[in-house]
Amino acid sequence: PVDLMYSEHSDTVYITGTKTYNNREIIKATFKGASWDKEKSAWSFKRFDDYEKTLLNVFPNILKDQ
């Protein structure tokens, strides 16, 4: 299992993985309007410029879903 992984679908970014619950507060604090998507079991937020840089700063070990 992967701790944290992110993927992009149109203008939304999803964060999935086994550590999403542990990191929920930091995800909500870092990404404005981040919300839990029950269907995808993922945190989602609107894509913004350089969001990957922010993600990697906060979660250096996060993986990008291929």
C-alpha atoms as a PDB file:
ATOM      1  CA  PRO A   1       0.000   0.000   0.000  1.00  0.00           C
ATOM      2  CA  VAL A   2       1.082   3.552  -0.753  1.00  0.00           C
ATOM      3  CA  ASP A   3       1.209   6.144   2.051  1.00  0.00           C
ATOM      4  CA  LEU A   4       0.252   9.093  -0.146  1.00  0.00           C
ATOM      5  CA  MET A   5      -0.337   9.412  -3.873  1.00  0.00           C
ATOM      6  CA  TYR A   6      -1.852  12.162  -5.979  1.00  0.00           C
ATOM      7  CA  SER A   7      -3.525  12.250  -9.344  1.00  0.00           C
ATOM      8  CA  GLU A   8      -5.012  14.935 -11.534  1.00  0.00           C
ATOM      9  CA  HIS A   9      -8.362  14.765 -13.320  1.00  0.00           C
ATOM     10  CA  SER A  10      -9.266  17.834 -15.381  1.00  0.00           C
ATOM     11  CA  ASP A  11      -9.059  20.692 -12.855  1.00  0.00           C
ATOM     12  CA  THR A  12      -9.185  18.597  -9.688  1.00  0.00           C
ATOM     13  CA  VAL A  13      -6.319  17.001  -7.774  1.00  0.00           C
ATOM     14  CA  TYR A  14      -6.930  13.900  -5.648  1.00  0.00           C
ATOM     15  CA  ILE A  15      -4.775  12.719  -2.756  1.00  0.00           C
ATOM     16  CA  THR A  16      -5.169   9.040  -1.875  1.00  0.00           C
ATOM     17  CA  GLY A  17      -3.277   6.488   0.182  1.00  0.00           C
ATOM     18  CA  THR A  18      -3.094   4.907   3.614  1.00  0.00           C
ATOM     19  CA  LYS A  19      -1.953   8.114   5.348  1.00  0.00           C
ATOM     20  CA  THR A  20      -4.733  10.438   4.164  1.00  0.00           C
ATOM     21  CA  TYR A  21      -6.542  10.279   7.501  1.00  0.00           C
ATOM     22  CA  ASN A  22      -3.382  11.002   9.522  1.00  0.00           C
ATOM     23  CA  ASN A  23      -2.663  14.009   7.323  1.00  0.00           C
ATOM     24  CA  ARG A  24      -6.205  15.377   7.016  1.00  0.00           C
ATOM     25  CA  GLU A  25      -5.540  18.524   9.075  1.00  0.00           C
ATOM     26  CA  ILE A  26      -2.422  19.496   7.136  1.00  0.00           C
ATOM     27  CA  ILE A  27      -4.195  18.802   3.828  1.00  0.00           C
ATOM     28  CA  LYS A  28      -7.137  21.004   4.846  1.00  0.00           C
ATOM     29  CA  ALA A  29      -4.798  23.745   6.092  1.00  0.00           C
ATOM     30  CA  THR A  30      -2.531  23.691   3.028  1.00  0.00           C
ATOM     31  CA  PHE A  31      -5.058  23.374   0.208  1.00  0.00           C
ATOM     32  CA  LYS A  32      -7.912  25.860   0.392  1.00  0.00           C
ATOM     33  CA  GLY A  33     -11.282  24.218  -0.105  1.00  0.00           C
ATOM     34  CA  ALA A  34      -9.898  20.678   0.147  1.00  0.00           C
ATOM     35  CA  SER A  35     -12.692  18.207   0.819  1.00  0.00           C
ATOM     36  CA  TRP A  36     -13.085  14.462   1.295  1.00  0.00           C
ATOM     37  CA  ASP A  37     -14.483  12.611  -1.718  1.00  0.00           C
ATOM     38  CA  LYS A  38     -16.196   9.496  -0.344  1.00  0.00           C
ATOM     39  CA  GLU A  39     -16.598   7.833  -3.745  1.00  0.00           C
ATOM     40  CA  LYS A  40     -12.888   8.047  -4.509  1.00  0.00           C
ATOM     41  CA  SER A  41     -11.709   7.760  -0.871  1.00  0.00           C
ATOM     42  CA  ALA A  42      -9.523  10.767  -1.571  1.00  0.00           C
ATOM     43  CA  TRP A  43      -8.976  14.366  -0.609  1.00  0.00           C
ATOM     44  CA  SER A  44      -9.731  16.662  -3.511  1.00  0.00           C
ATOM     45  CA  PHE A  45      -8.925  20.272  -4.268  1.00  0.00           C
ATOM     46  CA  LYS A  46      -8.951  22.561  -7.282  1.00  0.00           C
ATOM     47  CA  ARG A  47      -5.738  22.493  -9.294  1.00  0.00           C
ATOM     48  CA  PHE A  48      -3.675  25.681  -9.092  1.00  0.00           C
ATOM     49  CA  ASP A  49      -0.364  26.875 -10.548  1.00  0.00           C
ATOM     50  CA  ASP A  50       2.631  25.050  -9.069  1.00  0.00           C
ATOM     51  CA  TYR A  51       0.416  22.886  -6.855  1.00  0.00           C
ATOM     52  CA  GLU A  52       2.903  20.023  -7.285  1.00  0.00           C
ATOM     53  CA  LYS A  53       5.636  22.147  -5.739  1.00  0.00           C
ATOM     54  CA  THR A  54       3.408  22.793  -2.716  1.00  0.00           C
ATOM     55  CA  LEU A  55       2.498  19.099  -2.464  1.00  0.00           C
ATOM     56  CA  LEU A  56       6.142  18.030  -2.537  1.00  0.00           C
ATOM     57  CA  ASN A  57       7.132  20.674   0.022  1.00  0.00           C
ATOM     58  CA  VAL A  58       4.484  19.412   2.447  1.00  0.00           C
ATOM     59  CA  PHE A  59       4.775  15.695   1.580  1.00  0.00           C
ATOM     60  CA  PRO A  60       8.281  14.998   0.206  1.00  0.00           C
ATOM     61  CA  ASN A  61       7.494  11.261  -0.190  1.00  0.00           C
ATOM     62  CA  ILE A  62       4.194  11.623  -2.050  1.00  0.00           C
ATOM     63  CA  LEU A  63       3.999   9.689  -5.325  1.00  0.00           C
ATOM     64  CA  LYS A  64       2.368  10.734  -8.565  1.00  0.00           C
ATOM     65  CA  ASP A  65      -0.184   8.285  -9.917  1.00  0.00           C
ATOM     66  CA  GLN A  66       0.803   7.243 -13.428  1.00  0.00           C
END
